[in-house]
Amino acid sequence: TFLGKVTSNFNEETSLAFFSIALALRYKATIQMAADECQFFTMDQIKQRFPLYRSLQELRETPDRVMGTIQRGFKYQTEYRKLGAALRIATEKGDRLAVARIRLAMQQLESKHDENNLESH
């Protein structure tokens, strides 16, 4: 196969393809191959040989994951600001019970946010 020629031979016929793949890998560029050129490899073998390989479906899902992360971060910041404003008001009014409840809610929000960050990395 084409990929077999590239990986096992280095000659005039395959040197351009070899350098193309080497440069694409070096600069983390997208590599597209026709389905019939990799018919002897399973997807696991391709992913093992090319760790940066992403299927078209994975590439399509990436913006969804990024947007989800942004939205979760925005929601966290909004809730935290609301709790901060409520804490200031409760402190100004001297309501110790409310201050304690708000601080507990802030700690729970921070804890949940930290857990979500650990899961996403």
PDB file of N, CA and C in Angstrom:
ATOM      1  N   THR A   1       0.839  -1.186   0.000  1.00  0.00           N
ATOM      2  CA  THR A   1       0.000   0.000   0.000  1.00  0.00           C
ATOM      3  C   THR A   1       0.874   1.235   0.000  1.00  0.00           C
ATOM      4  N   PHE A   2       0.231   2.374  -0.227  1.00  0.00           N
ATOM      5  CA  PHE A   2       0.945   3.643  -0.254  1.00  0.00           C
ATOM      6  C   PHE A   2       1.680   3.893   1.051  1.00  0.00           C
ATOM      7  N   LEU A   3       0.977   3.712   2.177  1.00  0.00           N
ATOM      8  CA  LEU A   3       1.589   3.950   3.476  1.00  0.00           C
ATOM      9  C   LEU A   3       2.741   2.975   3.720  1.00  0.00           C
ATOM     10  N   GLY A   4       2.583   1.727   3.266  1.00  0.00           N
ATOM     11  CA  GLY A   4       3.648   0.747   3.395  1.00  0.00           C
ATOM     12  C   GLY A   4       4.880   1.172   2.628  1.00  0.00           C
ATOM     13  N   LYS A   5       4.694   1.709   1.434  1.00  0.00           N
ATOM     14  CA  LYS A   5       5.828   2.194   0.651  1.00  0.00           C
ATOM     15  C   LYS A   5       6.533   3.333   1.362  1.00  0.00           C
ATOM     16  N   VAL A   6       5.751   4.217   1.939  1.00  0.00           N
ATOM     17  CA  VAL A   6       6.331   5.372   2.610  1.00  0.00           C
ATOM     18  C   VAL A   6       7.124   4.960   3.837  1.00  0.00           C
ATOM     19  N   THR A   7       6.616   4.024   4.600  1.00  0.00           N
ATOM     20  CA  THR A   7       7.291   3.664   5.846  1.00  0.00           C
ATOM     21  C   THR A   7       8.433   2.687   5.656  1.00  0.00           C
ATOM     22  N   SER A   8       8.432   1.926   4.568  1.00  0.00           N
ATOM     23  CA  SER A   8       9.486   0.927   4.424  1.00  0.00           C
ATOM     24  C   SER A   8      10.533   1.285   3.378  1.00  0.00           C
ATOM     25  N   ASN A   9      10.249   2.169   2.472  1.00  0.00           N
ATOM     26  CA  ASN A   9      11.190   2.535   1.415  1.00  0.00           C
ATOM     27  C   ASN A   9      11.421   4.038   1.414  1.00  0.00           C
ATOM     28  N   PHE A  10      12.643   4.395   1.091  1.00  0.00           N
ATOM     29  CA  PHE A  10      12.932   5.811   0.876  1.00  0.00           C
ATOM     30  C   PHE A  10      13.643   5.910  -0.458  1.00  0.00           C
ATOM     31  N   ASN A  11      12.885   6.257  -1.442  1.00  0.00           N
ATOM     32  CA  ASN A  11      13.461   6.411  -2.776  1.00  0.00           C
ATOM     33  C   ASN A  11      12.788   7.570  -3.489  1.00  0.00           C
ATOM     34  N   GLU A  12      13.196   7.810  -4.735  1.00  0.00           N
ATOM     35  CA  GLU A  12      12.655   8.937  -5.478  1.00  0.00           C
ATOM     36  C   GLU A  12      11.136   8.884  -5.600  1.00  0.00           C
ATOM     37  N   GLU A  13      10.583   7.686  -5.736  1.00  0.00           N
ATOM     38  CA  GLU A  13       9.142   7.533  -5.923  1.00  0.00           C
ATOM     39  C   GLU A  13       8.350   7.948  -4.696  1.00  0.00           C
ATOM     40  N   THR A  14       8.880   7.657  -3.524  1.00  0.00           N
ATOM     41  CA  THR A  14       8.129   7.934  -2.300  1.00  0.00           C
ATOM     42  C   THR A  14       8.685   9.094  -1.482  1.00  0.00           C
ATOM     43  N   SER A  15       9.791   9.698  -1.901  1.00  0.00           N
ATOM     44  CA  SER A  15      10.404  10.739  -1.074  1.00  0.00           C
ATOM     45  C   SER A  15       9.479  11.941  -0.872  1.00  0.00           C
ATOM     46  N   LEU A  16       8.748  12.345  -1.894  1.00  0.00           N
ATOM     47  CA  LEU A  16       7.837  13.473  -1.753  1.00  0.00           C
ATOM     48  C   LEU A  16       6.737  13.150  -0.738  1.00  0.00           C
ATOM     49  N   ALA A  17       6.181  11.944  -0.825  1.00  0.00           N
ATOM     50  CA  ALA A  17       5.139  11.545   0.125  1.00  0.00           C
ATOM     51  C   ALA A  17       5.707  11.472   1.541  1.00  0.00           C
ATOM     52  N   PHE A  18       6.914  10.931   1.674  1.00  0.00           N
ATOM     53  CA  PHE A  18       7.552  10.832   2.990  1.00  0.00           C
ATOM     54  C   PHE A  18       7.733  12.212   3.614  1.00  0.00           C
ATOM     55  N   PHE A  19       8.294  13.129   2.841  1.00  0.00           N
ATOM     56  CA  PHE A  19       8.501  14.478   3.362  1.00  0.00           C
ATOM     57  C   PHE A  19       7.181  15.183   3.660  1.00  0.00           C
ATOM     58  N   SER A  20       6.175  14.933   2.859  1.00  0.00           N
ATOM     59  CA  SER A  20       4.861  15.540   3.102  1.00  0.00           C
ATOM     60  C   SER A  20       4.293  15.079   4.430  1.00  0.00           C
ATOM     61  N   ILE A  21       4.357  13.782   4.673  1.00  0.00           N
ATOM     62  CA  ILE A  21       3.835  13.250   5.939  1.00  0.00           C
ATOM     63  C   ILE A  21       4.694  13.717   7.107  1.00  0.00           C
ATOM     64  N   ALA A  22       6.006  13.708   6.942  1.00  0.00           N
ATOM     65  CA  ALA A  22       6.902  14.150   8.009  1.00  0.00           C
ATOM     66  C   ALA A  22       6.632  15.610   8.378  1.00  0.00           C
ATOM     67  N   LEU A  23       6.478  16.468   7.384  1.00  0.00           N
ATOM     68  CA  LEU A  23       6.196  17.877   7.651  1.00  0.00           C
ATOM     69  C   LEU A  23       4.822  18.065   8.301  1.00  0.00           C
ATOM     70  N   ALA A  24       3.847  17.314   7.821  1.00  0.00           N
ATOM     71  CA  ALA A  24       2.497  17.416   8.404  1.00  0.00           C
ATOM     72  C   ALA A  24       2.521  17.008   9.875  1.00  0.00           C
ATOM     73  N   LEU A  25       3.245  15.936  10.191  1.00  0.00           N
ATOM     74  CA  LEU A  25       3.340  15.500  11.586  1.00  0.00           C
ATOM     75  C   LEU A  25       4.118  16.509  12.431  1.00  0.00           C
ATOM     76  N   ARG A  26       5.198  17.040  11.866  1.00  0.00           N
ATOM     77  CA  ARG A  26       6.029  17.997  12.594  1.00  0.00           C
ATOM     78  C   ARG A  26       5.240  19.249  12.962  1.00  0.00           C
ATOM     79  N   TYR A  27       4.459  19.742  12.017  1.00  0.00           N
ATOM     80  CA  TYR A  27       3.711  20.978  12.243  1.00  0.00           C
ATOM     81  C   TYR A  27       2.259  20.733  12.645  1.00  0.00           C
ATOM     82  N   LYS A  28       1.953  19.480  13.017  1.00  0.00           N
ATOM     83  CA  LYS A  28       0.627  19.092  13.519  1.00  0.00           C
ATOM     84  C   LYS A  28      -0.492  19.492  12.561  1.00  0.00           C
ATOM     85  N   ALA A  29      -0.230  19.321  11.293  1.00  0.00           N
ATOM     86  CA  ALA A  29      -1.229  19.628  10.272  1.00  0.00           C
ATOM     87  C   ALA A  29      -2.144  18.428  10.068  1.00  0.00           C
ATOM     88  N   THR A  30      -3.296  18.683   9.492  1.00  0.00           N
ATOM     89  CA  THR A  30      -4.253  17.622   9.208  1.00  0.00           C
ATOM     90  C   THR A  30      -3.740  16.760   8.061  1.00  0.00           C
ATOM     91  N   ILE A  31      -3.855  15.448   8.217  1.00  0.00           N
ATOM     92  CA  ILE A  31      -3.477  14.514   7.163  1.00  0.00           C
ATOM     93  C   ILE A  31      -4.745  13.818   6.696  1.00  0.00           C
ATOM     94  N   GLN A  32      -5.003  13.868   5.410  1.00  0.00           N
ATOM     95  CA  GLN A  32      -6.167  13.181   4.856  1.00  0.00           C
ATOM     96  C   GLN A  32      -5.689  12.066   3.943  1.00  0.00           C
ATOM     97  N   MET A  33      -6.306  10.902   4.094  1.00  0.00           N
ATOM     98  CA  MET A  33      -5.960   9.757   3.259  1.00  0.00           C
ATOM     99  C   MET A  33      -7.243   9.153   2.725  1.00  0.00           C
ATOM    100  N   ALA A  34      -7.193   8.680   1.509  1.00  0.00           N
ATOM    101  CA  ALA A  34      -8.350   7.979   0.953  1.00  0.00           C
ATOM    102  C   ALA A  34      -8.515   6.653   1.686  1.00  0.00           C
ATOM    103  N   ALA A  35      -9.736   6.186   1.820  1.00  0.00           N
ATOM    104  CA  ALA A  35     -10.024   4.969   2.591  1.00  0.00           C
ATOM    105  C   ALA A  35      -9.291   3.758   2.037  1.00  0.00           C
ATOM    106  N   ASP A  36      -9.148   3.651   0.730  1.00  0.00           N
ATOM    107  CA  ASP A  36      -8.502   2.466   0.162  1.00  0.00           C
ATOM    108  C   ASP A  36      -6.998   2.438   0.406  1.00  0.00           C
ATOM    109  N   GLU A  37      -6.392   3.573   0.769  1.00  0.00           N
ATOM    110  CA  GLU A  37      -4.957   3.601   1.028  1.00  0.00           C
ATOM    111  C   GLU A  37      -4.598   3.023   2.390  1.00  0.00           C
ATOM    112  N   CYS A  38      -5.552   2.913   3.285  1.00  0.00           N
ATOM    113  CA  CYS A  38      -5.249   2.383   4.615  1.00  0.00           C
ATOM    114  C   CYS A  38      -6.095   1.150   4.916  1.00  0.00           C
ATOM    115  N   GLN A  39      -6.413   0.379   3.896  1.00  0.00           N
ATOM    116  CA  GLN A  39      -7.293  -0.760   4.073  1.00  0.00           C
ATOM    117  C   GLN A  39      -6.679  -1.883   4.900  1.00  0.00           C
ATOM    118  N   PHE A  40      -5.346  -1.931   5.040  1.00  0.00           N
ATOM    119  CA  PHE A  40      -4.715  -3.002   5.786  1.00  0.00           C
ATOM    120  C   PHE A  40      -4.482  -2.641   7.251  1.00  0.00           C
ATOM    121  N   PHE A  41      -4.892  -1.466   7.653  1.00  0.00           N
ATOM    122  CA  PHE A  41      -4.694  -1.020   9.021  1.00  0.00           C
ATOM    123  C   PHE A  41      -6.042  -0.873   9.714  1.00  0.00           C
ATOM    124  N   THR A  42      -6.084  -1.280  10.954  1.00  0.00           N
ATOM    125  CA  THR A  42      -7.290  -1.026  11.750  1.00  0.00           C
ATOM    126  C   THR A  42      -7.202   0.406  12.279  1.00  0.00           C
ATOM    127  N   MET A  43      -8.312   0.929  12.770  1.00  0.00           N
ATOM    128  CA  MET A  43      -8.298   2.287  13.318  1.00  0.00           C
ATOM    129  C   MET A  43      -7.370   2.368  14.537  1.00  0.00           C
ATOM    130  N   ASP A  44      -7.301   1.314  15.329  1.00  0.00           N
ATOM    131  CA  ASP A  44      -6.395   1.315  16.486  1.00  0.00           C
ATOM    132  C   ASP A  44      -4.945   1.421  16.035  1.00  0.00           C
ATOM    133  N   GLN A  45      -4.602   0.692  14.950  1.00  0.00           N
ATOM    134  CA  GLN A  45      -3.232   0.757  14.442  1.00  0.00           C
ATOM    135  C   GLN A  45      -2.914   2.145  13.899  1.00  0.00           C
ATOM    136  N   ILE A  46      -3.868   2.749  13.221  1.00  0.00           N
ATOM    137  CA  ILE A  46      -3.652   4.096  12.687  1.00  0.00           C
ATOM    138  C   ILE A  46      -3.459   5.079  13.834  1.00  0.00           C
ATOM    139  N   LYS A  47      -4.300   4.995  14.858  1.00  0.00           N
ATOM    140  CA  LYS A  47      -4.179   5.903  15.999  1.00  0.00           C
ATOM    141  C   LYS A  47      -2.879   5.679  16.763  1.00  0.00           C
ATOM    142  N   GLN A  48      -2.409   4.423  16.772  1.00  0.00           N
ATOM    143  CA  GLN A  48      -1.141   4.129  17.442  1.00  0.00           C
ATOM    144  C   GLN A  48       0.023   4.726  16.656  1.00  0.00           C
ATOM    145  N   ARG A  49      -0.011   4.598  15.339  1.00  0.00           N
ATOM    146  CA  ARG A  49       1.072   5.132  14.505  1.00  0.00           C
ATOM    147  C   ARG A  49       1.029   6.649  14.405  1.00  0.00           C
ATOM    148  N   PHE A  50      -0.182   7.218  14.434  1.00  0.00           N
ATOM    149  CA  PHE A  50      -0.363   8.658  14.302  1.00  0.00           C
ATOM    150  C   PHE A  50      -1.162   9.166  15.506  1.00  0.00           C
ATOM    151  N   PRO A  51      -0.496   9.435  16.625  1.00  0.00           N
ATOM    152  CA  PRO A  51      -1.205   9.812  17.850  1.00  0.00           C
ATOM    153  C   PRO A  51      -2.066  11.069  17.708  1.00  0.00           C
ATOM    154  N   LEU A  52      -1.736  11.947  16.790  1.00  0.00           N
ATOM    155  CA  LEU A  52      -2.507  13.173  16.617  1.00  0.00           C
ATOM    156  C   LEU A  52      -3.680  12.993  15.659  1.00  0.00           C
ATOM    157  N   TYR A  53      -3.855  11.785  15.139  1.00  0.00           N
ATOM    158  CA  TYR A  53      -4.944  11.520  14.196  1.00  0.00           C
ATOM    159  C   TYR A  53      -6.294  11.719  14.865  1.00  0.00           C
ATOM    160  N   ARG A  54      -7.182  12.393  14.183  1.00  0.00           N
ATOM    161  CA  ARG A  54      -8.554  12.562  14.650  1.00  0.00           C
ATOM    162  C   ARG A  54      -9.491  12.260  13.492  1.00  0.00           C
ATOM    163  N   SER A  55     -10.509  11.495  13.774  1.00  0.00           N
ATOM    164  CA  SER A  55     -11.486  11.187  12.734  1.00  0.00           C
ATOM    165  C   SER A  55     -12.303  12.437  12.442  1.00  0.00           C
ATOM    166  N   LEU A  56     -13.000  12.414  11.341  1.00  0.00           N
ATOM    167  CA  LEU A  56     -13.842  13.542  10.980  1.00  0.00           C
ATOM    168  C   LEU A  56     -14.891  13.792  12.054  1.00  0.00           C
ATOM    169  N   GLN A  57     -15.444  12.727  12.597  1.00  0.00           N
ATOM    170  CA  GLN A  57     -16.440  12.863  13.663  1.00  0.00           C
ATOM    171  C   GLN A  57     -15.833  13.531  14.898  1.00  0.00           C
ATOM    172  N   GLU A  58     -14.609  13.130  15.268  1.00  0.00           N
ATOM    173  CA  GLU A  58     -13.947  13.737  16.424  1.00  0.00           C
ATOM    174  C   GLU A  58     -13.677  15.217  16.185  1.00  0.00           C
ATOM    175  N   LEU A  59     -13.300  15.563  14.953  1.00  0.00           N
ATOM    176  CA  LEU A  59     -13.060  16.966  14.632  1.00  0.00           C
ATOM    177  C   LEU A  59     -14.350  17.780  14.714  1.00  0.00           C
ATOM    178  N   ARG A  60     -15.449  17.172  14.306  1.00  0.00           N
ATOM    179  CA  ARG A  60     -16.737  17.871  14.376  1.00  0.00           C
ATOM    180  C   ARG A  60     -17.185  18.061  15.818  1.00  0.00           C
ATOM    181  N   GLU A  61     -16.844  17.129  16.705  1.00  0.00           N
ATOM    182  CA  GLU A  61     -17.259  17.205  18.102  1.00  0.00           C
ATOM    183  C   GLU A  61     -16.428  18.199  18.910  1.00  0.00           C
ATOM    184  N   THR A  62     -15.225  18.515  18.461  1.00  0.00           N
ATOM    185  CA  THR A  62     -14.337  19.391  19.208  1.00  0.00           C
ATOM    186  C   THR A  62     -14.965  20.749  19.505  1.00  0.00           C
ATOM    187  N   PRO A  63     -15.558  21.450  18.521  1.00  0.00           N
ATOM    188  CA  PRO A  63     -16.168  22.739  18.860  1.00  0.00           C
ATOM    189  C   PRO A  63     -17.284  22.610  19.894  1.00  0.00           C
ATOM    190  N   ASP A  64     -18.022  21.501  19.873  1.00  0.00           N
ATOM    191  CA  ASP A  64     -19.081  21.299  20.854  1.00  0.00           C
ATOM    192  C   ASP A  64     -18.502  21.185  22.260  1.00  0.00           C
ATOM    193  N   ARG A  65     -17.376  20.467  22.395  1.00  0.00           N
ATOM    194  CA  ARG A  65     -16.743  20.329  23.705  1.00  0.00           C
ATOM    195  C   ARG A  65     -16.204  21.671  24.191  1.00  0.00           C
ATOM    196  N   VAL A  66     -15.602  22.421  23.275  1.00  0.00           N
ATOM    197  CA  VAL A  66     -15.046  23.723  23.633  1.00  0.00           C
ATOM    198  C   VAL A  66     -16.165  24.664  24.082  1.00  0.00           C
ATOM    199  N   MET A  67     -17.256  24.699  23.331  1.00  0.00           N
ATOM    200  CA  MET A  67     -18.375  25.561  23.704  1.00  0.00           C
ATOM    201  C   MET A  67     -18.971  25.135  25.041  1.00  0.00           C
ATOM    202  N   GLY A  68     -19.058  23.837  25.279  1.00  0.00           N
ATOM    203  CA  GLY A  68     -19.566  23.351  26.567  1.00  0.00           C
ATOM    204  C   GLY A  68     -18.695  23.802  27.721  1.00  0.00           C
ATOM    205  N   THR A  69     -17.378  23.743  27.529  1.00  0.00           N
ATOM    206  CA  THR A  69     -16.439  24.181  28.563  1.00  0.00           C
ATOM    207  C   THR A  69     -16.590  25.677  28.829  1.00  0.00           C
ATOM    208  N   ILE A  70     -16.709  26.451  27.773  1.00  0.00           N
ATOM    209  CA  ILE A  70     -16.873  27.897  27.920  1.00  0.00           C
ATOM    210  C   ILE A  70     -18.173  28.215  28.656  1.00  0.00           C
ATOM    211  N   GLN A  71     -19.254  27.541  28.269  1.00  0.00           N
ATOM    212  CA  GLN A  71     -20.549  27.794  28.904  1.00  0.00           C
ATOM    213  C   GLN A  71     -20.537  27.414  30.379  1.00  0.00           C
ATOM    214  N   ARG A  72     -19.883  26.284  30.711  1.00  0.00           N
ATOM    215  CA  ARG A  72     -19.792  25.887  32.122  1.00  0.00           C
ATOM    216  C   ARG A  72     -19.000  26.916  32.924  1.00  0.00           C
ATOM    217  N   GLY A  73     -17.908  27.412  32.343  1.00  0.00           N
ATOM    218  CA  GLY A  73     -17.096  28.425  33.019  1.00  0.00           C
ATOM    219  C   GLY A  73     -17.872  29.715  33.221  1.00  0.00           C
ATOM    220  N   PHE A  74     -18.631  30.104  32.206  1.00  0.00           N
ATOM    221  CA  PHE A  74     -19.428  31.328  32.311  1.00  0.00           C
ATOM    222  C   PHE A  74     -20.508  31.175  33.373  1.00  0.00           C
ATOM    223  N   LYS A  75     -21.150  30.020  33.399  1.00  0.00           N
ATOM    224  CA  LYS A  75     -22.196  29.769  34.400  1.00  0.00           C
ATOM    225  C   LYS A  75     -21.600  29.828  35.806  1.00  0.00           C
ATOM    226  N   TYR A  76     -20.418  29.233  35.980  1.00  0.00           N
ATOM    227  CA  TYR A  76     -19.747  29.236  37.284  1.00  0.00           C
ATOM    228  C   TYR A  76     -19.453  30.676  37.717  1.00  0.00           C
ATOM    229  N   GLN A  77     -18.878  31.470  36.818  1.00  0.00           N
ATOM    230  CA  GLN A  77     -18.527  32.844  37.158  1.00  0.00           C
ATOM    231  C   GLN A  77     -19.765  33.665  37.513  1.00  0.00           C
ATOM    232  N   THR A  78     -20.848  33.463  36.759  1.00  0.00           N
ATOM    233  CA  THR A  78     -22.085  34.195  37.026  1.00  0.00           C
ATOM    234  C   THR A  78     -22.637  33.845  38.408  1.00  0.00           C
ATOM    235  N   GLU A  79     -22.694  32.557  38.714  1.00  0.00           N
ATOM    236  CA  GLU A  79     -23.203  32.130  40.023  1.00  0.00           C
ATOM    237  C   GLU A  79     -22.307  32.637  41.148  1.00  0.00           C
ATOM    238  N   TYR A  80     -20.996  32.580  40.934  1.00  0.00           N
ATOM    239  CA  TYR A  80     -20.063  33.010  41.966  1.00  0.00           C
ATOM    240  C   TYR A  80     -20.199  34.508  42.233  1.00  0.00           C
ATOM    241  N   ARG A  81     -20.390  35.289  41.169  1.00  0.00           N
ATOM    242  CA  ARG A  81     -20.582  36.736  41.338  1.00  0.00           C
ATOM    243  C   ARG A  81     -21.875  37.038  42.093  1.00  0.00           C
ATOM    244  N   LYS A  82     -22.924  36.299  41.774  1.00  0.00           N
ATOM    245  CA  LYS A  82     -24.200  36.496  42.488  1.00  0.00           C
ATOM    246  C   LYS A  82     -24.029  36.205  43.970  1.00  0.00           C
ATOM    247  N   LEU A  83     -23.345  35.103  44.270  1.00  0.00           N
ATOM    248  CA  LEU A  83     -23.120  34.760  45.673  1.00  0.00           C
ATOM    249  C   LEU A  83     -22.238  35.799  46.362  1.00  0.00           C
ATOM    250  N   GLY A  84     -21.258  36.315  45.637  1.00  0.00           N
ATOM    251  CA  GLY A  84     -20.388  37.356  46.198  1.00  0.00           C
ATOM    252  C   GLY A  84     -21.167  38.620  46.532  1.00  0.00           C
ATOM    253  N   ALA A  85     -22.079  38.999  45.634  1.00  0.00           N
ATOM    254  CA  ALA A  85     -22.913  40.178  45.900  1.00  0.00           C
ATOM    255  C   ALA A  85     -23.821  39.929  47.100  1.00  0.00           C
ATOM    256  N   ALA A  86     -24.391  38.736  47.168  1.00  0.00           N
ATOM    257  CA  ALA A  86     -25.252  38.407  48.306  1.00  0.00           C
ATOM    258  C   ALA A  86     -24.450  38.402  49.606  1.00  0.00           C
ATOM    259  N   LEU A  87     -23.215  37.940  49.556  1.00  0.00           N
ATOM    260  CA  LEU A  87     -22.354  37.917  50.742  1.00  0.00           C
ATOM    261  C   LEU A  87     -22.068  39.335  51.235  1.00  0.00           C
ATOM    262  N   ARG A  88     -21.794  40.244  50.307  1.00  0.00           N
ATOM    263  CA  ARG A  88     -21.544  41.637  50.693  1.00  0.00           C
ATOM    264  C   ARG A  88     -22.777  42.250  51.391  1.00  0.00           C
ATOM    265  N   ILE A  89     -23.942  41.998  50.815  1.00  0.00           N
ATOM    266  CA  ILE A  89     -25.172  42.539  51.399  1.00  0.00           C
ATOM    267  C   ILE A  89     -25.407  41.952  52.790  1.00  0.00           C
ATOM    268  N   ALA A  90     -25.240  40.632  52.917  1.00  0.00           N
ATOM    269  CA  ALA A  90     -25.449  39.989  54.224  1.00  0.00           C
ATOM    270  C   ALA A  90     -24.440  40.492  55.248  1.00  0.00           C
ATOM    271  N   THR A  91     -23.209  40.730  54.816  1.00  0.00           N
ATOM    272  CA  THR A  91     -22.174  41.243  55.715  1.00  0.00           C
ATOM    273  C   THR A  91     -22.522  42.661  56.163  1.00  0.00           C
ATOM    274  N   GLU A  92     -22.949  43.490  55.207  1.00  0.00           N
ATOM    275  CA  GLU A  92     -23.314  44.872  55.538  1.00  0.00           C
ATOM    276  C   GLU A  92     -24.476  44.918  56.534  1.00  0.00           C
ATOM    277  N   LYS A  93     -25.399  43.985  56.393  1.00  0.00           N
ATOM    278  CA  LYS A  93     -26.571  43.961  57.286  1.00  0.00           C
ATOM    279  C   LYS A  93     -26.275  43.244  58.604  1.00  0.00           C
ATOM    280  N   GLY A  94     -25.127  42.585  58.681  1.00  0.00           N
ATOM    281  CA  GLY A  94     -24.748  41.900  59.909  1.00  0.00           C
ATOM    282  C   GLY A  94     -25.482  40.584  60.128  1.00  0.00           C
ATOM    283  N   ASP A  95     -25.983  39.986  59.076  1.00  0.00           N
ATOM    284  CA  ASP A  95     -26.729  38.716  59.168  1.00  0.00           C
ATOM    285  C   ASP A  95     -25.739  37.551  59.106  1.00  0.00           C
ATOM    286  N   ARG A  96     -25.300  37.098  60.299  1.00  0.00           N
ATOM    287  CA  ARG A  96     -24.283  36.043  60.371  1.00  0.00           C
ATOM    288  C   ARG A  96     -24.767  34.715  59.802  1.00  0.00           C
ATOM    289  N   LEU A  97     -26.012  34.382  60.004  1.00  0.00           N
ATOM    290  CA  LEU A  97     -26.567  33.133  59.486  1.00  0.00           C
ATOM    291  C   LEU A  97     -26.538  33.133  57.956  1.00  0.00           C
ATOM    292  N   ALA A  98     -26.942  34.229  57.359  1.00  0.00           N
ATOM    293  CA  ALA A  98     -26.922  34.336  55.894  1.00  0.00           C
ATOM    294  C   ALA A  98     -25.492  34.280  55.368  1.00  0.00           C
ATOM    295  N   VAL A  99     -24.575  34.950  56.059  1.00  0.00           N
ATOM    296  CA  VAL A  99     -23.157  34.933  55.659  1.00  0.00           C
ATOM    297  C   VAL A  99     -22.641  33.498  55.666  1.00  0.00           C
ATOM    298  N   ALA A 100     -22.961  32.750  56.707  1.00  0.00           N
ATOM    299  CA  ALA A 100     -22.498  31.361  56.797  1.00  0.00           C
ATOM    300  C   ALA A 100     -23.085  30.508  55.670  1.00  0.00           C
ATOM    301  N   ARG A 101     -24.367  30.679  55.396  1.00  0.00           N
ATOM    302  CA  ARG A 101     -25.011  29.907  54.319  1.00  0.00           C
ATOM    303  C   ARG A 101     -24.425  30.249  52.953  1.00  0.00           C
ATOM    304  N   ILE A 102     -24.199  31.531  52.731  1.00  0.00           N
ATOM    305  CA  ILE A 102     -23.644  31.954  51.426  1.00  0.00           C
ATOM    306  C   ILE A 102     -22.226  31.428  51.256  1.00  0.00           C
ATOM    307  N   ARG A 103     -21.428  31.500  52.322  1.00  0.00           N
ATOM    308  CA  ARG A 103     -20.052  30.979  52.239  1.00  0.00           C
ATOM    309  C   ARG A 103     -20.056  29.471  51.969  1.00  0.00           C
ATOM    310  N   LEU A 104     -20.974  28.765  52.582  1.00  0.00           N
ATOM    311  CA  LEU A 104     -21.097  27.333  52.330  1.00  0.00           C
ATOM    312  C   LEU A 104     -21.471  27.078  50.868  1.00  0.00           C
ATOM    313  N   ALA A 105     -22.402  27.854  50.359  1.00  0.00           N
ATOM    314  CA  ALA A 105     -22.808  27.711  48.953  1.00  0.00           C
ATOM    315  C   ALA A 105     -21.635  28.019  48.020  1.00  0.00           C
ATOM    316  N   MET A 106     -20.828  29.020  48.355  1.00  0.00           N
ATOM    317  CA  MET A 106     -19.652  29.366  47.541  1.00  0.00           C
ATOM    318  C   MET A 106     -18.627  28.228  47.559  1.00  0.00           C
ATOM    319  N   GLN A 107     -18.421  27.642  48.746  1.00  0.00           N
ATOM    320  CA  GLN A 107     -17.482  26.526  48.846  1.00  0.00           C
ATOM    321  C   GLN A 107     -17.960  25.327  48.027  1.00  0.00           C
ATOM    322  N   GLN A 108     -19.255  25.053  48.098  1.00  0.00           N
ATOM    323  CA  GLN A 108     -19.806  23.942  47.325  1.00  0.00           C
ATOM    324  C   GLN A 108     -19.675  24.196  45.830  1.00  0.00           C
ATOM    325  N   LEU A 109     -19.920  25.439  45.413  1.00  0.00           N
ATOM    326  CA  LEU A 109     -19.781  25.791  44.006  1.00  0.00           C
ATOM    327  C   LEU A 109     -18.336  25.645  43.547  1.00  0.00           C
ATOM    328  N   GLU A 110     -17.390  26.123  44.356  1.00  0.00           N
ATOM    329  CA  GLU A 110     -15.966  25.990  44.030  1.00  0.00           C
ATOM    330  C   GLU A 110     -15.568  24.524  43.933  1.00  0.00           C
ATOM    331  N   SER A 111     -16.038  23.724  44.886  1.00  0.00           N
ATOM    332  CA  SER A 111     -15.712  22.302  44.901  1.00  0.00           C
ATOM    333  C   SER A 111     -16.235  21.608  43.641  1.00  0.00           C
ATOM    334  N   LYS A 112     -17.474  21.904  43.289  1.00  0.00           N
ATOM    335  CA  LYS A 112     -18.071  21.316  42.090  1.00  0.00           C
ATOM    336  C   LYS A 112     -17.322  21.757  40.835  1.00  0.00           C
ATOM    337  N   HIS A 113     -16.947  23.032  40.793  1.00  0.00           N
ATOM    338  CA  HIS A 113     -16.198  23.562  39.647  1.00  0.00           C
ATOM    339  C   HIS A 113     -14.828  22.886  39.536  1.00  0.00           C
ATOM    340  N   ASP A 114     -14.153  22.689  40.665  1.00  0.00           N
ATOM    341  CA  ASP A 114     -12.848  22.017  40.662  1.00  0.00           C
ATOM    342  C   ASP A 114     -12.971  20.570  40.187  1.00  0.00           C
ATOM    343  N   GLU A 115     -14.014  19.880  40.633  1.00  0.00           N
ATOM    344  CA  GLU A 115     -14.231  18.495  40.195  1.00  0.00           C
ATOM    345  C   GLU A 115     -14.466  18.418  38.698  1.00  0.00           C
ATOM    346  N   ASN A 116     -15.262  19.351  38.166  1.00  0.00           N
ATOM    347  CA  ASN A 116     -15.518  19.369  36.718  1.00  0.00           C
ATOM    348  C   ASN A 116     -14.247  19.649  35.937  1.00  0.00           C
ATOM    349  N   ASN A 117     -13.395  20.514  36.455  1.00  0.00           N
ATOM    350  CA  ASN A 117     -12.127  20.817  35.779  1.00  0.00           C
ATOM    351  C   ASN A 117     -11.216  19.602  35.773  1.00  0.00           C
ATOM    352  N   LEU A 118     -11.186  18.869  36.873  1.00  0.00           N
ATOM    353  CA  LEU A 118     -10.342  17.668  36.930  1.00  0.00           C
ATOM    354  C   LEU A 118     -10.841  16.604  35.960  1.00  0.00           C
ATOM    355  N   GLU A 119     -12.157  16.452  35.834  1.00  0.00           N
ATOM    356  CA  GLU A 119     -12.727  15.453  34.929  1.00  0.00           C
ATOM    357  C   GLU A 119     -12.474  15.789  33.475  1.00  0.00           C
ATOM    358  N   SER A 120     -12.453  17.082  33.140  1.00  0.00           N
ATOM    359  CA  SER A 120     -12.279  17.479  31.744  1.00  0.00           C
ATOM    360  C   SER A 120     -10.833  17.410  31.292  1.00  0.00           C
ATOM    361  N   HIS A 121      -9.879  17.305  32.231  1.00  0.00           N
ATOM    362  CA  HIS A 121      -8.458  17.242  31.827  1.00  0.00           C
ATOM    363  C   HIS A 121      -7.967  15.869  31.911  1.00  0.00           C
TER     364      HIS A 121
END
